PDB file of all heavy atoms in Angstrom:
ATOM      1  N   ALA A   1     -38.106   5.042  -5.545  1.00  0.00           N
ATOM      2  CA  ALA A   1     -39.524   4.401  -5.471  1.00  0.00           C
ATOM      3  C   ALA A   1     -40.084   4.530  -4.020  1.00  0.00           C
ATOM      4  O   ALA A   1     -39.256   4.497  -3.076  1.00  0.00           O
ATOM      5  CB  ALA A   1     -39.436   2.951  -5.924  1.00  0.00           C
ATOM      6  N   PRO A   2     -41.354   4.620  -4.021  1.00  0.00           N
ATOM      7  CA  PRO A   2     -41.909   4.594  -2.501  1.00  0.00           C
ATOM      8  C   PRO A   2     -41.714   3.279  -1.880  1.00  0.00           C
ATOM      9  O   PRO A   2     -41.484   2.291  -2.602  1.00  0.00           O
ATOM     10  CB  PRO A   2     -43.394   4.788  -2.791  1.00  0.00           C
ATOM     11  CG  PRO A   2     -43.595   5.447  -4.026  1.00  0.00           C
ATOM     12  CD  PRO A   2     -42.407   4.808  -4.892  1.00  0.00           C
ATOM     13  N   LEU A   3     -41.543   3.317  -0.517  1.00  0.00           N
ATOM     14  CA  LEU A   3     -41.184   2.107   0.198  1.00  0.00           C
ATOM     15  C   LEU A   3     -41.933   0.828  -0.254  1.00  0.00           C
ATOM     16  O   LEU A   3     -41.204  -0.200  -0.477  1.00  0.00           O
ATOM     17  CB  LEU A   3     -41.304   2.293   1.631  1.00  0.00           C
ATOM     18  CG  LEU A   3     -40.757   1.288   2.601  1.00  0.00           C
ATOM     19  CD1 LEU A   3     -40.598   2.008   4.060  1.00  0.00           C
ATOM     20  CD2 LEU A   3     -41.582   0.068   2.823  1.00  0.00           C
ATOM     21  N   PRO A   4     -43.285   0.797  -0.463  1.00  0.00           N
ATOM     22  CA  PRO A   4     -43.908  -0.500  -0.875  1.00  0.00           C
ATOM     23  C   PRO A   4     -43.451  -1.010  -2.241  1.00  0.00           C
ATOM     24  O   PRO A   4     -43.702  -2.164  -2.498  1.00  0.00           O
ATOM     25  CB  PRO A   4     -45.316  -0.183  -0.826  1.00  0.00           C
ATOM     26  CG  PRO A   4     -45.484   1.126   0.064  1.00  0.00           C
ATOM     27  CD  PRO A   4     -44.167   1.899  -0.193  1.00  0.00           C
ATOM     28  N   ASP A   5     -43.019  -0.070  -3.041  1.00  0.00           N
ATOM     29  CA  ASP A   5     -42.637  -0.552  -4.465  1.00  0.00           C
ATOM     30  C   ASP A   5     -41.193  -0.718  -4.635  1.00  0.00           C
ATOM     31  O   ASP A   5     -40.787  -1.148  -5.778  1.00  0.00           O
ATOM     32  CB  ASP A   5     -43.107   0.735  -5.341  1.00  0.00           C
ATOM     33  CG  ASP A   5     -44.548   0.925  -5.250  1.00  0.00           C
ATOM     34  OD1 ASP A   5     -45.318   0.037  -4.890  1.00  0.00           O
ATOM     35  OD2 ASP A   5     -45.042   2.109  -5.660  1.00  0.00           O
ATOM     36  N   ILE A   6     -40.325  -0.630  -3.648  1.00  0.00           N
ATOM     37  CA  ILE A   6     -38.857  -0.918  -3.800  1.00  0.00           C
ATOM     38  C   ILE A   6     -38.698  -2.581  -3.873  1.00  0.00           C
ATOM     39  O   ILE A   6     -39.202  -3.299  -3.076  1.00  0.00           O
ATOM     40  CB  ILE A   6     -38.098  -0.456  -2.600  1.00  0.00           C
ATOM     41  CG1 ILE A   6     -38.179   1.041  -2.535  1.00  0.00           C
ATOM     42  CG2 ILE A   6     -36.643  -0.816  -2.722  1.00  0.00           C
ATOM     43  CD1 ILE A   6     -37.657   1.567  -1.247  1.00  0.00           C
ATOM     44  N   SER A   7     -38.102  -2.967  -4.923  1.00  0.00           N
ATOM     45  CA  SER A   7     -37.881  -4.303  -5.113  1.00  0.00           C
ATOM     46  C   SER A   7     -36.584  -4.769  -4.329  1.00  0.00           C
ATOM     47  O   SER A   7     -35.759  -3.961  -4.043  1.00  0.00           O
ATOM     48  CB  SER A   7     -37.589  -4.681  -6.631  1.00  0.00           C
ATOM     49  OG  SER A   7     -36.295  -4.188  -7.049  1.00  0.00           O
ATOM     50  N   LEU A   8     -36.580  -5.988  -4.012  1.00  0.00           N
ATOM     51  CA  LEU A   8     -35.411  -6.551  -3.292  1.00  0.00           C
ATOM     52  C   LEU A   8     -34.056  -6.383  -4.049  1.00  0.00           C
ATOM     53  O   LEU A   8     -33.034  -6.179  -3.493  1.00  0.00           O
ATOM     54  CB  LEU A   8     -35.590  -8.032  -2.890  1.00  0.00           C
ATOM     55  CG  LEU A   8     -34.533  -8.669  -1.971  1.00  0.00           C
ATOM     56  CD1 LEU A   8     -34.421  -7.886  -0.769  1.00  0.00           C
ATOM     57  CD2 LEU A   8     -34.913 -10.128  -1.812  1.00  0.00           C
ATOM     58  N   ASP A   9     -34.253  -6.602  -5.384  1.00  0.00           N
ATOM     59  CA  ASP A   9     -32.986  -6.290  -6.129  1.00  0.00           C
ATOM     60  C   ASP A   9     -32.470  -4.828  -6.156  1.00  0.00           C
ATOM     61  O   ASP A   9     -31.266  -4.696  -6.053  1.00  0.00           O
ATOM     62  CB  ASP A   9     -33.334  -6.664  -7.697  1.00  0.00           C
ATOM     63  CG  ASP A   9     -33.451  -8.224  -7.950  1.00  0.00           C
ATOM     64  OD1 ASP A   9     -32.863  -8.920  -7.076  1.00  0.00           O
ATOM     65  OD2 ASP A   9     -33.918  -8.692  -8.976  1.00  0.00           O
ATOM     66  N   GLU A  10     -33.437  -3.905  -6.077  1.00  0.00           N
ATOM     67  CA  GLU A  10     -33.072  -2.498  -6.075  1.00  0.00           C
ATOM     68  C   GLU A  10     -32.423  -2.211  -4.657  1.00  0.00           C
ATOM     69  O   GLU A  10     -31.469  -1.472  -4.569  1.00  0.00           O
ATOM     70  CB  GLU A  10     -34.263  -1.612  -6.242  1.00  0.00           C
ATOM     71  CG  GLU A  10     -34.823  -1.585  -7.628  1.00  0.00           C
ATOM     72  CD  GLU A  10     -36.093  -0.845  -7.870  1.00  0.00           C
ATOM     73  OE1 GLU A  10     -36.960  -0.911  -6.875  1.00  0.00           O
ATOM     74  OE2 GLU A  10     -36.317  -0.170  -8.781  1.00  0.00           O
ATOM     75  N   PHE A  11     -32.936  -2.895  -3.575  1.00  0.00           N
ATOM     76  CA  PHE A  11     -32.410  -2.645  -2.259  1.00  0.00           C
ATOM     77  C   PHE A  11     -30.997  -3.221  -2.215  1.00  0.00           C
ATOM     78  O   PHE A  11     -30.046  -2.678  -1.683  1.00  0.00           O
ATOM     79  CB  PHE A  11     -33.381  -3.300  -1.256  1.00  0.00           C
ATOM     80  CG  PHE A  11     -32.874  -3.305   0.102  1.00  0.00           C
ATOM     81  CD1 PHE A  11     -33.126  -2.141   0.901  1.00  0.00           C
ATOM     82  CD2 PHE A  11     -32.159  -4.283   0.799  1.00  0.00           C
ATOM     83  CE1 PHE A  11     -32.681  -2.018   2.272  1.00  0.00           C
ATOM     84  CE2 PHE A  11     -31.661  -4.273   2.091  1.00  0.00           C
ATOM     85  CZ  PHE A  11     -31.938  -3.134   2.794  1.00  0.00           C
ATOM     86  N   ASP A  12     -30.875  -4.561  -2.731  1.00  0.00           N
ATOM     87  CA  ASP A  12     -29.563  -5.195  -2.582  1.00  0.00           C
ATOM     88  C   ASP A  12     -28.457  -4.421  -3.370  1.00  0.00           C
ATOM     89  O   ASP A  12     -27.302  -4.459  -2.937  1.00  0.00           O
ATOM     90  CB  ASP A  12     -29.667  -6.694  -3.029  1.00  0.00           C
ATOM     91  CG  ASP A  12     -30.430  -7.522  -2.028  1.00  0.00           C
ATOM     92  OD1 ASP A  12     -30.585  -7.065  -0.903  1.00  0.00           O
ATOM     93  OD2 ASP A  12     -30.873  -8.620  -2.419  1.00  0.00           O
ATOM     94  N   GLN A  13     -28.847  -3.897  -4.477  1.00  0.00           N
ATOM     95  CA  GLN A  13     -27.827  -3.293  -5.399  1.00  0.00           C
ATOM     96  C   GLN A  13     -27.270  -2.142  -4.517  1.00  0.00           C
ATOM     97  O   GLN A  13     -25.992  -1.886  -4.549  1.00  0.00           O
ATOM     98  CB  GLN A  13     -28.605  -2.782  -6.655  1.00  0.00           C
ATOM     99  CG  GLN A  13     -27.542  -1.983  -7.505  1.00  0.00           C
ATOM    100  CD  GLN A  13     -28.196  -1.386  -8.706  1.00  0.00           C
ATOM    101  OE1 GLN A  13     -29.398  -0.951  -8.663  1.00  0.00           O
ATOM    102  NE2 GLN A  13     -27.541  -1.310  -9.830  1.00  0.00           N
ATOM    103  N   VAL A  14     -28.061  -1.299  -3.878  1.00  0.00           N
ATOM    104  CA  VAL A  14     -27.511  -0.154  -3.133  1.00  0.00           C
ATOM    105  C   VAL A  14     -26.697  -0.690  -1.869  1.00  0.00           C
ATOM    106  O   VAL A  14     -25.670  -0.129  -1.732  1.00  0.00           O
ATOM    107  CB  VAL A  14     -28.640   0.788  -2.665  1.00  0.00           C
ATOM    108  CG1 VAL A  14     -28.128   1.920  -1.755  1.00  0.00           C
ATOM    109  CG2 VAL A  14     -29.276   1.378  -3.861  1.00  0.00           C
ATOM    110  N   MET A  15     -27.253  -1.651  -1.226  1.00  0.00           N
ATOM    111  CA  MET A  15     -26.538  -2.211   0.052  1.00  0.00           C
ATOM    112  C   MET A  15     -25.155  -2.761  -0.487  1.00  0.00           C
ATOM    113  O   MET A  15     -24.264  -2.654   0.305  1.00  0.00           O
ATOM    114  CB  MET A  15     -27.438  -3.108   0.680  1.00  0.00           C
ATOM    115  CG  MET A  15     -28.699  -2.534   1.228  1.00  0.00           C
ATOM    116  SD  MET A  15     -28.437  -1.115   2.434  1.00  0.00           S
ATOM    117  CE  MET A  15     -27.887  -2.018   3.913  1.00  0.00           C
ATOM    118  N   ASN A  16     -25.099  -3.521  -1.612  1.00  0.00           N
ATOM    119  CA  ASN A  16     -23.911  -4.127  -2.040  1.00  0.00           C
ATOM    120  C   ASN A  16     -22.800  -3.055  -2.257  1.00  0.00           C
ATOM    121  O   ASN A  16     -21.662  -3.335  -1.949  1.00  0.00           O
ATOM    122  CB  ASN A  16     -24.181  -4.926  -3.362  1.00  0.00           C
ATOM    123  CG  ASN A  16     -24.873  -6.131  -2.993  1.00  0.00           C
ATOM    124  OD1 ASN A  16     -24.855  -6.658  -1.885  1.00  0.00           O
ATOM    125  ND2 ASN A  16     -25.414  -6.828  -4.016  1.00  0.00           N
ATOM    126  N   VAL A  17     -23.102  -1.928  -2.939  1.00  0.00           N
ATOM    127  CA  VAL A  17     -22.134  -1.039  -3.213  1.00  0.00           C
ATOM    128  C   VAL A  17     -21.807  -0.111  -1.977  1.00  0.00           C
ATOM    129  O   VAL A  17     -20.612  -0.012  -1.579  1.00  0.00           O
ATOM    130  CB  VAL A  17     -22.583  -0.093  -4.457  1.00  0.00           C
ATOM    131  CG1 VAL A  17     -21.601   1.000  -4.688  1.00  0.00           C
ATOM    132  CG2 VAL A  17     -22.843  -0.997  -5.615  1.00  0.00           C
ATOM    133  N   ASN A  18     -22.853   0.390  -1.372  1.00  0.00           N
ATOM    134  CA  ASN A  18     -22.588   1.457  -0.338  1.00  0.00           C
ATOM    135  C   ASN A  18     -22.251   0.866   1.036  1.00  0.00           C
ATOM    136  O   ASN A  18     -21.411   1.448   1.708  1.00  0.00           O
ATOM    137  CB  ASN A  18     -23.931   2.246  -0.216  1.00  0.00           C
ATOM    138  CG  ASN A  18     -24.277   3.189  -1.370  1.00  0.00           C
ATOM    139  OD1 ASN A  18     -23.593   2.980  -2.382  1.00  0.00           O
ATOM    140  ND2 ASN A  18     -25.376   3.851  -1.174  1.00  0.00           N
ATOM    141  N   LEU A  19     -22.756  -0.279   1.460  1.00  0.00           N
ATOM    142  CA  LEU A  19     -22.526  -0.891   2.697  1.00  0.00           C
ATOM    143  C   LEU A  19     -21.459  -1.956   2.534  1.00  0.00           C
ATOM    144  O   LEU A  19     -20.435  -1.901   3.195  1.00  0.00           O
ATOM    145  CB  LEU A  19     -23.678  -1.302   3.396  1.00  0.00           C
ATOM    146  CG  LEU A  19     -23.467  -1.816   4.837  1.00  0.00           C
ATOM    147  CD1 LEU A  19     -22.746  -0.877   5.719  1.00  0.00           C
ATOM    148  CD2 LEU A  19     -24.844  -2.374   5.440  1.00  0.00           C
ATOM    149  N   ARG A  20     -21.732  -2.922   1.768  1.00  0.00           N
ATOM    150  CA  ARG A  20     -20.725  -4.099   1.576  1.00  0.00           C
ATOM    151  C   ARG A  20     -19.410  -3.502   1.101  1.00  0.00           C
ATOM    152  O   ARG A  20     -18.344  -3.832   1.510  1.00  0.00           O
ATOM    153  CB  ARG A  20     -21.425  -5.058   0.605  1.00  0.00           C
ATOM    154  CG  ARG A  20     -20.444  -6.243   0.136  1.00  0.00           C
ATOM    155  CD  ARG A  20     -21.143  -7.086  -0.823  1.00  0.00           C
ATOM    156  NE  ARG A  20     -20.225  -7.969  -1.453  1.00  0.00           N
ATOM    157  CZ  ARG A  20     -20.098  -9.331  -1.116  1.00  0.00           C
ATOM    158  NH1 ARG A  20     -20.908  -9.813  -0.065  1.00  0.00           N
ATOM    159  NH2 ARG A  20     -19.312 -10.069  -1.811  1.00  0.00           N
ATOM    160  N   GLY A  21     -19.497  -2.612   0.035  1.00  0.00           N
ATOM    161  CA  GLY A  21     -18.383  -2.096  -0.491  1.00  0.00           C
ATOM    162  C   GLY A  21     -17.542  -1.286   0.554  1.00  0.00           C
ATOM    163  O   GLY A  21     -16.274  -1.322   0.542  1.00  0.00           O
ATOM    164  N   SER A  22     -18.201  -0.539   1.449  1.00  0.00           N
ATOM    165  CA  SER A  22     -17.470   0.252   2.452  1.00  0.00           C
ATOM    166  C   SER A  22     -16.791  -0.701   3.486  1.00  0.00           C
ATOM    167  O   SER A  22     -15.646  -0.585   3.866  1.00  0.00           O
ATOM    168  CB  SER A  22     -18.458   1.178   3.129  1.00  0.00           C
ATOM    169  OG  SER A  22     -18.890   2.154   2.330  1.00  0.00           O
ATOM    170  N   PHE A  23     -17.558  -1.747   3.866  1.00  0.00           N
ATOM    171  CA  PHE A  23     -16.928  -2.742   4.713  1.00  0.00           C
ATOM    172  C   PHE A  23     -15.758  -3.432   4.121  1.00  0.00           C
ATOM    173  O   PHE A  23     -14.721  -3.526   4.829  1.00  0.00           O
ATOM    174  CB  PHE A  23     -18.006  -3.818   5.145  1.00  0.00           C
ATOM    175  CG  PHE A  23     -17.465  -5.153   5.747  1.00  0.00           C
ATOM    176  CD1 PHE A  23     -16.991  -4.994   7.046  1.00  0.00           C
ATOM    177  CD2 PHE A  23     -17.273  -6.265   5.030  1.00  0.00           C
ATOM    178  CE1 PHE A  23     -16.389  -6.125   7.627  1.00  0.00           C
ATOM    179  CE2 PHE A  23     -16.694  -7.437   5.572  1.00  0.00           C
ATOM    180  CZ  PHE A  23     -16.274  -7.301   6.794  1.00  0.00           C
ATOM    181  N   LEU A  24     -15.888  -3.852   2.962  1.00  0.00           N
ATOM    182  CA  LEU A  24     -14.789  -4.598   2.271  1.00  0.00           C
ATOM    183  C   LEU A  24     -13.594  -3.596   2.187  1.00  0.00           C
ATOM    184  O   LEU A  24     -12.395  -4.074   2.399  1.00  0.00           O
ATOM    185  CB  LEU A  24     -15.120  -5.025   0.885  1.00  0.00           C
ATOM    186  CG  LEU A  24     -16.167  -6.212   0.812  1.00  0.00           C
ATOM    187  CD1 LEU A  24     -16.532  -6.490  -0.585  1.00  0.00           C
ATOM    188  CD2 LEU A  24     -15.549  -7.422   1.451  1.00  0.00           C
ATOM    189  N   GLY A  25     -13.861  -2.273   1.848  1.00  0.00           N
ATOM    190  CA  GLY A  25     -12.745  -1.411   1.750  1.00  0.00           C
ATOM    191  C   GLY A  25     -12.076  -1.115   3.067  1.00  0.00           C
ATOM    192  O   GLY A  25     -10.743  -1.083   3.100  1.00  0.00           O
ATOM    193  N   VAL A  26     -12.782  -0.952   4.103  1.00  0.00           N
ATOM    194  CA  VAL A  26     -12.212  -0.690   5.455  1.00  0.00           C
ATOM    195  C   VAL A  26     -11.451  -1.945   5.827  1.00  0.00           C
ATOM    196  O   VAL A  26     -10.266  -1.807   6.345  1.00  0.00           O
ATOM    197  CB  VAL A  26     -13.342  -0.346   6.401  1.00  0.00           C
ATOM    198  CG1 VAL A  26     -12.810  -0.339   7.919  1.00  0.00           C
ATOM    199  CG2 VAL A  26     -13.905   1.030   6.152  1.00  0.00           C
ATOM    200  N   ARG A  27     -12.084  -3.197   5.710  1.00  0.00           N
ATOM    201  CA  ARG A  27     -11.398  -4.397   6.116  1.00  0.00           C
ATOM    202  C   ARG A  27     -10.124  -4.560   5.340  1.00  0.00           C
ATOM    203  O   ARG A  27      -9.023  -4.862   5.966  1.00  0.00           O
ATOM    204  CB  ARG A  27     -12.301  -5.569   5.879  1.00  0.00           C
ATOM    205  CG  ARG A  27     -11.769  -6.855   6.457  1.00  0.00           C
ATOM    206  CD  ARG A  27     -12.687  -8.019   6.102  1.00  0.00           C
ATOM    207  NE  ARG A  27     -12.563  -8.370   4.693  1.00  0.00           N
ATOM    208  CZ  ARG A  27     -13.104  -9.487   4.195  1.00  0.00           C
ATOM    209  NH1 ARG A  27     -13.872 -10.197   5.002  1.00  0.00           N
ATOM    210  NH2 ARG A  27     -13.029  -9.683   2.968  1.00  0.00           N
ATOM    211  N   ALA A  28     -10.129  -4.354   4.023  1.00  0.00           N
ATOM    212  CA  ALA A  28      -8.915  -4.522   3.233  1.00  0.00           C
ATOM    213  C   ALA A  28      -7.749  -3.448   3.741  1.00  0.00           C
ATOM    214  O   ALA A  28      -6.582  -3.808   3.822  1.00  0.00           O
ATOM    215  CB  ALA A  28      -9.222  -4.247   1.770  1.00  0.00           C
ATOM    216  N   ALA A  29      -8.152  -2.331   4.028  1.00  0.00           N
ATOM    217  CA  ALA A  29      -7.177  -1.374   4.549  1.00  0.00           C
ATOM    218  C   ALA A  29      -6.540  -1.834   5.863  1.00  0.00           C
ATOM    219  O   ALA A  29      -5.358  -1.750   6.100  1.00  0.00           O
ATOM    220  CB  ALA A  29      -7.772   0.054   4.812  1.00  0.00           C
ATOM    221  N   PHE A  30      -7.391  -2.311   6.755  1.00  0.00           N
ATOM    222  CA  PHE A  30      -6.830  -2.838   8.021  1.00  0.00           C
ATOM    223  C   PHE A  30      -5.984  -3.945   7.793  1.00  0.00           C
ATOM    224  O   PHE A  30      -4.885  -4.044   8.489  1.00  0.00           O
ATOM    225  CB  PHE A  30      -8.106  -3.276   8.918  1.00  0.00           C
ATOM    226  CG  PHE A  30      -8.561  -2.236   9.881  1.00  0.00           C
ATOM    227  CD1 PHE A  30      -9.305  -1.269   9.391  1.00  0.00           C
ATOM    228  CD2 PHE A  30      -8.328  -2.316  11.172  1.00  0.00           C
ATOM    229  CE1 PHE A  30      -9.862  -0.217  10.232  1.00  0.00           C
ATOM    230  CE2 PHE A  30      -8.778  -1.261  12.093  1.00  0.00           C
ATOM    231  CZ  PHE A  30      -9.529  -0.236  11.591  1.00  0.00           C
ATOM    232  N   ARG A  31      -6.265  -4.881   6.912  1.00  0.00           N
ATOM    233  CA  ARG A  31      -5.354  -5.962   6.561  1.00  0.00           C
ATOM    234  C   ARG A  31      -4.010  -5.434   6.062  1.00  0.00           C
ATOM    235  O   ARG A  31      -2.988  -5.991   6.392  1.00  0.00           O
ATOM    236  CB  ARG A  31      -6.045  -6.896   5.533  1.00  0.00           C
ATOM    237  CG  ARG A  31      -7.296  -7.662   6.153  1.00  0.00           C
ATOM    238  CD  ARG A  31      -7.979  -8.672   5.229  1.00  0.00           C
ATOM    239  NE  ARG A  31      -8.882  -9.486   5.848  1.00  0.00           N
ATOM    240  CZ  ARG A  31      -9.726 -10.315   5.214  1.00  0.00           C
ATOM    241  NH1 ARG A  31      -9.654 -10.420   3.845  1.00  0.00           N
ATOM    242  NH2 ARG A  31     -10.550 -11.058   5.939  1.00  0.00           N
ATOM    243  N   GLN A  32      -4.101  -4.490   5.055  1.00  0.00           N
ATOM    244  CA  GLN A  32      -2.889  -3.941   4.603  1.00  0.00           C
ATOM    245  C   GLN A  32      -1.999  -3.220   5.684  1.00  0.00           C
ATOM    246  O   GLN A  32      -0.840  -3.471   5.701  1.00  0.00           O
ATOM    247  CB  GLN A  32      -3.213  -3.014   3.355  1.00  0.00           C
ATOM    248  CG  GLN A  32      -1.984  -2.460   2.767  1.00  0.00           C
ATOM    249  CD  GLN A  32      -1.113  -3.378   2.120  1.00  0.00           C
ATOM    250  OE1 GLN A  32      -1.517  -4.456   1.581  1.00  0.00           O
ATOM    251  NE2 GLN A  32       0.208  -3.143   2.033  1.00  0.00           N
ATOM    252  N   PHE A  33      -2.672  -2.490   6.525  1.00  0.00           N
ATOM    253  CA  PHE A  33      -1.924  -1.883   7.632  1.00  0.00           C
ATOM    254  C   PHE A  33      -1.257  -2.843   8.454  1.00  0.00           C
ATOM    255  O   PHE A  33      -0.162  -2.734   8.967  1.00  0.00           O
ATOM    256  CB  PHE A  33      -2.950  -0.911   8.390  1.00  0.00           C
ATOM    257  CG  PHE A  33      -3.386   0.215   7.662  1.00  0.00           C
ATOM    258  CD1 PHE A  33      -4.697   0.759   7.970  1.00  0.00           C
ATOM    259  CD2 PHE A  33      -2.756   0.804   6.460  1.00  0.00           C
ATOM    260  CE1 PHE A  33      -5.183   1.924   7.355  1.00  0.00           C
ATOM    261  CE2 PHE A  33      -3.192   1.898   5.797  1.00  0.00           C
ATOM    262  CZ  PHE A  33      -4.496   2.444   6.255  1.00  0.00           C
ATOM    263  N   ARG A  34      -1.992  -4.007   8.766  1.00  0.00           N
ATOM    264  CA  ARG A  34      -1.451  -5.054   9.622  1.00  0.00           C
ATOM    265  C   ARG A  34      -0.190  -5.659   8.907  1.00  0.00           C
ATOM    266  O   ARG A  34       0.812  -5.858   9.624  1.00  0.00           O
ATOM    267  CB  ARG A  34      -2.487  -6.096   9.865  1.00  0.00           C
ATOM    268  CG  ARG A  34      -1.949  -7.219  10.771  1.00  0.00           C
ATOM    269  CD  ARG A  34      -3.152  -8.107  11.120  1.00  0.00           C
ATOM    270  NE  ARG A  34      -3.692  -8.788   9.979  1.00  0.00           N
ATOM    271  CZ  ARG A  34      -4.809  -9.536   9.978  1.00  0.00           C
ATOM    272  NH1 ARG A  34      -5.453  -9.688  11.081  1.00  0.00           N
ATOM    273  NH2 ARG A  34      -5.279 -10.082   8.889  1.00  0.00           N
ATOM    274  N   GLU A  35      -0.301  -5.846   7.605  1.00  0.00           N
ATOM    275  CA  GLU A  35       0.731  -6.528   6.873  1.00  0.00           C
ATOM    276  C   GLU A  35       1.993  -5.625   6.867  1.00  0.00           C
ATOM    277  O   GLU A  35       3.109  -6.056   7.001  1.00  0.00           O
ATOM    278  CB  GLU A  35       0.331  -6.868   5.468  1.00  0.00           C
ATOM    279  CG  GLU A  35       1.385  -7.533   4.581  1.00  0.00           C
ATOM    280  CD  GLU A  35       0.859  -7.885   3.225  1.00  0.00           C
ATOM    281  OE1 GLU A  35      -0.373  -8.192   3.159  1.00  0.00           O
ATOM    282  OE2 GLU A  35       1.620  -7.949   2.226  1.00  0.00           O
ATOM    283  N   GLN A  36       1.738  -4.326   6.738  1.00  0.00           N
ATOM    284  CA  GLN A  36       2.830  -3.374   6.741  1.00  0.00           C
ATOM    285  C   GLN A  36       3.415  -3.170   8.227  1.00  0.00           C
ATOM    286  O   GLN A  36       4.455  -2.585   8.268  1.00  0.00           O
ATOM    287  CB  GLN A  36       2.344  -1.961   6.236  1.00  0.00           C
ATOM    288  CG  GLN A  36       1.930  -2.048   4.844  1.00  0.00           C
ATOM    289  CD  GLN A  36       1.180  -0.653   4.527  1.00  0.00           C
ATOM    290  OE1 GLN A  36       0.735  -0.550   3.287  1.00  0.00           O
ATOM    291  NE2 GLN A  36       1.129   0.327   5.336  1.00  0.00           N
ATOM    292  N   GLY A  37       2.623  -3.510   9.200  1.00  0.00           N
ATOM    293  CA  GLY A  37       3.111  -3.103  10.525  1.00  0.00           C
ATOM    294  C   GLY A  37       2.917  -1.715  10.838  1.00  0.00           C
ATOM    295  O   GLY A  37       3.807  -1.118  11.610  1.00  0.00           O
ATOM    296  N   SER A  38       1.960  -1.022  10.306  1.00  0.00           N
ATOM    297  CA  SER A  38       1.808   0.349  10.430  1.00  0.00           C
ATOM    298  C   SER A  38       0.406   0.767  10.887  1.00  0.00           C
ATOM    299  O   SER A  38      -0.546  -0.050  10.773  1.00  0.00           O
ATOM    300  CB  SER A  38       2.121   1.088   9.105  1.00  0.00           C
ATOM    301  OG  SER A  38       1.058   0.825   8.110  1.00  0.00           O
ATOM    302  N   GLY A  39       0.293   2.100  11.145  1.00  0.00           N
ATOM    303  CA  GLY A  39      -1.117   2.725  11.406  1.00  0.00           C
ATOM    304  C   GLY A  39      -1.447   3.247   9.988  1.00  0.00           C
ATOM    305  O   GLY A  39      -0.876   3.004   9.010  1.00  0.00           O
ATOM    306  N   GLY A  40      -2.500   3.927   9.986  1.00  0.00           N
ATOM    307  CA  GLY A  40      -3.054   4.582   8.908  1.00  0.00           C
ATOM    308  C   GLY A  40      -4.217   5.416   9.086  1.00  0.00           C
ATOM    309  O   GLY A  40      -4.714   5.504  10.243  1.00  0.00           O
ATOM    310  N   ALA A  41      -4.807   5.980   8.088  1.00  0.00           N
ATOM    311  CA  ALA A  41      -6.030   6.733   8.240  1.00  0.00           C
ATOM    312  C   ALA A  41      -6.989   6.515   7.166  1.00  0.00           C
ATOM    313  O   ALA A  41      -6.588   6.314   5.976  1.00  0.00           O
ATOM    314  CB  ALA A  41      -5.689   8.257   8.165  1.00  0.00           C
ATOM    315  N   ILE A  42      -8.273   6.409   7.481  1.00  0.00           N
ATOM    316  CA  ILE A  42      -9.390   5.960   6.645  1.00  0.00           C
ATOM    317  C   ILE A  42     -10.505   7.103   6.801  1.00  0.00           C
ATOM    318  O   ILE A  42     -10.783   7.512   7.872  1.00  0.00           O
ATOM    319  CB  ILE A  42      -9.993   4.700   6.970  1.00  0.00           C
ATOM    320  CG1 ILE A  42      -8.892   3.595   6.831  1.00  0.00           C
ATOM    321  CG2 ILE A  42     -11.215   4.352   6.056  1.00  0.00           C
ATOM    322  CD1 ILE A  42      -9.352   2.190   7.460  1.00  0.00           C
TER     323      ILE A  42
END
């Protein structure tokens, strides 16, 4: 949709998956690597 017609729900849906999901995935990997006492690659 054009910018003026984008609903907040549509915006939040994309941000929740693409950005929040990426942050949660990266954070979870860091936590797991810390628990293992290891490095890793993302």
